[in-house]
Amino acid sequence: FWFQSHVGNLGAAIILSTIVLKILLLPLANKSYRSMAKMKLIQPEMEKMKERYGDNREQMAMAMMEMYKKHKVNPMSGCWPMLVQIPIFFAFYKVILISFEFRHAVFINGWITDLSAQDPLFILPVLMGLSMYFQQKLSPSMGDPTQQAVMRMLPVLFTVMFLFFPAALVLYWLTNNVLSILQQYILMKQVEKASA
């Protein structure tokens, strides 16, 4: 609400708050995105391993661990930004539900006139789903084909789910995704240059 008192618009305040949160979480996210960028670079090597070891899961796991050590990559580090975002998301959701200020708060006049209600034109949820899709494209594909197919469906599922969420919450998630895409893209380019 501090931002709102300075910018005069609760939607703009949400965007500014998200930027501040993103800056605070920058060190953790940078480490994670660097690891993901390295994972994407070693993807061809991983595919060759899958062909070489076939169904021998034990040998494959050992070879993968060696490769992770060699390239100094942690495949689990990509989960940290998402895990940190979950409590922030739920806290934000709770604030929107109990705060009277979000009711009938206009974001863009003529479009969103109540940030505590769903987006009447569903523009924010669709943009949020597209941002998830582009974020997935930047990330390395992990797991077997079934897991990859499930991951590809997540943007669609989240879009449908977010259709009925308060516009303020969807705006937060969309802003966070866009900032994450920019951050991930910049770091991936840095890692690619460093490894070239």
Protein backbone atom coordinates (compact mmCIF):
# COMPACT_ATOMS: atom_id res chain seq x y z
CA PHE A 1 0.00 0.00 0.00
CA TRP A 2 3.04 2.28 0.34
CA PHE A 3 3.53 2.18 -3.42
CA GLN A 4 -0.15 2.92 -4.00
CA SER A 5 0.07 6.10 -1.91
CA HIS A 6 2.89 7.24 -4.20
CA VAL A 7 1.66 6.11 -7.64
CA GLY A 8 -2.08 6.40 -7.04
CA ASN A 9 -2.97 3.08 -8.70
CA LEU A 10 -3.13 -0.28 -6.95
CA GLY A 11 -2.32 -2.20 -10.17
CA ALA A 12 0.83 -0.15 -10.72
CA ALA A 13 1.68 -0.67 -7.03
CA ILE A 14 1.43 -4.46 -7.55
CA ILE A 15 3.84 -4.23 -10.49
CA LEU A 16 6.31 -2.12 -8.47
CA SER A 17 6.04 -4.45 -5.46
CA THR A 18 6.75 -7.44 -7.71
CA ILE A 19 9.83 -5.70 -9.11
CA VAL A 20 11.11 -5.01 -5.57
CA LEU A 21 10.51 -8.66 -4.56
CA LYS A 22 12.31 -9.81 -7.70
CA ILE A 23 15.31 -7.61 -6.86
CA LEU A 24 15.40 -8.99 -3.30
CA LEU A 25 15.34 -12.58 -4.62
CA LEU A 26 17.86 -11.82 -7.39
CA PRO A 27 20.88 -13.70 -5.92
CA LEU A 28 18.90 -16.91 -5.43
CA ALA A 29 17.24 -16.68 -8.84
CA ASN A 30 20.51 -15.85 -10.62
CA LYS A 31 22.18 -18.95 -9.21
CA SER A 32 19.23 -21.07 -10.27
CA TYR A 33 18.98 -19.61 -13.78
CA ARG A 34 22.73 -20.01 -14.34
CA SER A 35 22.40 -23.67 -13.45
CA MET A 36 19.40 -24.01 -15.80
CA ALA A 37 21.36 -22.32 -18.59
CA LYS A 38 24.21 -24.79 -18.10
CA MET A 39 21.70 -27.64 -18.13
CA LYS A 40 20.37 -26.41 -21.46
CA LEU A 41 23.92 -26.30 -22.88
CA ILE A 42 24.63 -29.91 -21.86
CA GLN A 43 21.28 -31.16 -23.21
CA PRO A 44 22.84 -32.70 -26.38
CA GLU A 45 25.32 -34.59 -24.19
CA MET A 46 22.42 -35.87 -22.07
CA GLU A 47 20.58 -37.09 -25.17
CA LYS A 48 23.66 -39.03 -26.28
CA MET A 49 23.82 -40.65 -22.84
CA LYS A 50 20.19 -41.71 -23.09
CA GLU A 51 20.94 -43.40 -26.41
CA ARG A 52 24.12 -45.01 -25.06
CA TYR A 53 22.65 -46.46 -21.86
CA GLY A 54 19.09 -47.12 -23.06
CA ASP A 55 17.07 -48.85 -20.34
CA ASN A 56 19.99 -49.27 -17.93
CA ARG A 57 18.77 -46.68 -15.42
CA GLU A 58 21.49 -47.34 -12.87
CA GLN A 59 24.35 -46.75 -15.34
CA MET A 60 22.50 -43.75 -16.75
CA ALA A 61 22.09 -42.19 -13.27
CA MET A 62 25.78 -42.68 -12.49
CA ALA A 63 26.84 -41.18 -15.83
CA MET A 64 24.50 -38.21 -15.29
CA MET A 65 25.92 -37.57 -11.81
CA GLU A 66 29.43 -37.56 -13.26
CA MET A 67 28.37 -35.17 -15.97
CA TYR A 68 26.73 -32.84 -13.41
CA LYS A 69 29.95 -32.84 -11.37
CA LYS A 70 32.08 -32.21 -14.46
CA HIS A 71 29.97 -29.23 -15.56
CA LYS A 72 29.25 -28.04 -11.98
CA VAL A 73 25.50 -28.19 -12.49
CA ASN A 74 22.78 -28.91 -9.94
CA PRO A 75 19.58 -30.08 -11.68
CA MET A 76 17.52 -29.33 -8.57
CA SER A 77 18.55 -25.67 -8.31
CA GLY A 78 15.95 -24.72 -10.92
CA CYS A 79 13.23 -25.45 -8.36
CA TRP A 80 14.27 -22.77 -5.86
CA PRO A 81 12.69 -19.71 -7.51
CA MET A 82 9.35 -21.52 -7.78
CA LEU A 83 9.51 -22.81 -4.19
CA VAL A 84 10.26 -19.33 -2.87
CA GLN A 85 7.39 -17.86 -4.92
CA ILE A 86 4.75 -20.21 -3.47
CA PRO A 87 4.57 -18.67 0.05
CA ILE A 88 4.71 -15.15 -1.47
CA PHE A 89 1.84 -16.09 -3.81
CA PHE A 90 -0.32 -17.40 -0.96
CA ALA A 91 0.45 -14.37 1.21
CA PHE A 92 -0.51 -12.10 -1.67
CA TYR A 93 -3.72 -14.08 -2.23
CA LYS A 94 -4.65 -13.73 1.44
CA VAL A 95 -3.98 -9.97 1.38
CA ILE A 96 -6.22 -9.57 -1.69
CA LEU A 97 -9.03 -11.54 -0.06
CA ILE A 98 -9.02 -9.63 3.23
CA SER A 99 -8.06 -6.13 2.08
CA PHE A 100 -10.95 -3.84 1.32
CA GLU A 101 -8.67 -1.62 -0.83
CA PHE A 102 -8.66 -4.12 -3.72
CA ARG A 103 -12.44 -4.00 -4.07
CA HIS A 104 -13.39 -1.75 -6.99
CA ALA A 105 -9.74 -0.70 -7.40
CA VAL A 106 -9.25 0.28 -11.04
CA PHE A 107 -6.12 -0.93 -12.86
CA ILE A 108 -6.83 0.28 -16.39
CA ASN A 109 -10.02 2.28 -16.71
CA GLY A 110 -12.63 0.59 -18.88
CA TRP A 111 -10.96 -2.81 -18.56
CA ILE A 112 -10.22 -3.83 -14.97
CA THR A 113 -12.37 -1.88 -12.54
CA ASP A 114 -12.10 -4.31 -9.61
CA LEU A 115 -8.74 -5.92 -8.81
CA SER A 116 -10.39 -8.25 -6.28
CA ALA A 117 -12.52 -9.83 -9.06
CA GLN A 118 -11.54 -11.85 -12.12
CA ASP A 119 -10.37 -10.11 -15.28
CA PRO A 120 -13.66 -9.58 -17.18
CA LEU A 121 -11.97 -9.97 -20.58
CA PHE A 122 -9.58 -12.76 -19.46
CA ILE A 123 -6.64 -10.86 -20.95
CA LEU A 124 -4.38 -11.14 -17.89
CA PRO A 125 -4.82 -14.93 -17.50
CA VAL A 126 -4.12 -15.52 -21.21
CA LEU A 127 -1.00 -13.31 -21.06
CA MET A 128 0.06 -15.14 -17.90
CA GLY A 129 -0.33 -18.50 -19.68
CA LEU A 130 1.70 -17.25 -22.64
CA SER A 131 4.41 -16.00 -20.29
CA MET A 132 4.56 -19.47 -18.67
CA TYR A 133 4.88 -21.03 -22.12
CA PHE A 134 7.81 -18.74 -23.07
CA GLN A 135 9.45 -19.34 -19.71
CA GLN A 136 9.28 -23.09 -20.33
CA LYS A 137 10.89 -22.62 -23.74
CA LEU A 138 13.92 -21.03 -22.03
CA SER A 139 14.22 -23.90 -19.55
CA PRO A 140 15.87 -27.24 -20.35
CA SER A 141 13.43 -30.10 -20.95
CA MET A 142 13.87 -32.68 -18.21
CA GLY A 143 12.55 -36.16 -17.58
CA ASP A 144 10.91 -38.72 -19.80
CA PRO A 145 8.50 -37.86 -22.65
CA THR A 146 5.45 -38.28 -20.36
CA GLN A 147 6.83 -35.76 -17.84
CA GLN A 148 7.67 -33.38 -20.67
CA ALA A 149 4.12 -33.67 -22.04
CA VAL A 150 2.71 -32.88 -18.57
CA MET A 151 5.03 -29.87 -18.29
CA ARG A 152 3.86 -28.62 -21.70
CA MET A 153 0.26 -28.76 -20.46
CA LEU A 154 0.96 -26.67 -17.34
CA PRO A 155 0.59 -23.25 -19.04
CA VAL A 156 -2.84 -24.31 -20.34
CA LEU A 157 -3.92 -25.67 -16.94
CA PHE A 158 -2.68 -22.57 -15.11
CA THR A 159 -4.43 -20.30 -17.63
CA VAL A 160 -7.75 -22.08 -17.06
CA MET A 161 -7.24 -22.00 -13.29
CA PHE A 162 -6.27 -18.30 -13.26
CA LEU A 163 -9.31 -17.28 -15.34
CA PHE A 164 -11.28 -17.06 -12.11
CA PHE A 165 -8.58 -15.70 -9.77
CA PRO A 166 -8.62 -12.05 -8.67
CA ALA A 167 -7.08 -9.81 -11.34
CA ALA A 168 -4.58 -8.45 -8.79
CA LEU A 169 -3.16 -11.92 -8.21
CA VAL A 170 -2.93 -12.70 -11.94
CA LEU A 171 -1.23 -9.33 -12.49
CA TYR A 172 1.35 -10.22 -9.83
CA TRP A 173 2.02 -13.65 -11.38
CA LEU A 174 2.21 -12.23 -14.92
CA THR A 175 4.64 -9.49 -13.84
CA ASN A 176 6.76 -12.04 -12.00
CA ASN A 177 6.84 -14.32 -15.08
CA VAL A 178 7.83 -11.47 -17.42
CA LEU A 179 10.64 -10.38 -15.08
CA SER A 180 11.78 -14.02 -14.75
CA ILE A 181 11.87 -14.42 -18.54
CA LEU A 182 14.01 -11.29 -18.91
CA GLN A 183 16.35 -12.39 -16.12
CA GLN A 184 16.62 -15.94 -17.45
CA TYR A 185 17.24 -14.75 -21.02
CA ILE A 186 20.03 -12.37 -19.95
CA LEU A 187 21.72 -15.01 -17.79
CA MET A 188 21.46 -17.67 -20.49
CA LYS A 189 23.16 -15.33 -22.98
CA GLN A 190 25.93 -14.66 -20.41
CA VAL A 191 26.46 -18.40 -19.83
CA GLU A 192 26.48 -19.10 -23.59
CA LYS A 193 29.11 -16.36 -24.13
CA ALA A 194 31.23 -17.65 -21.24
CA SER A 195 31.15 -21.23 -22.55
CA ALA A 196 31.80 -20.27 -26.19
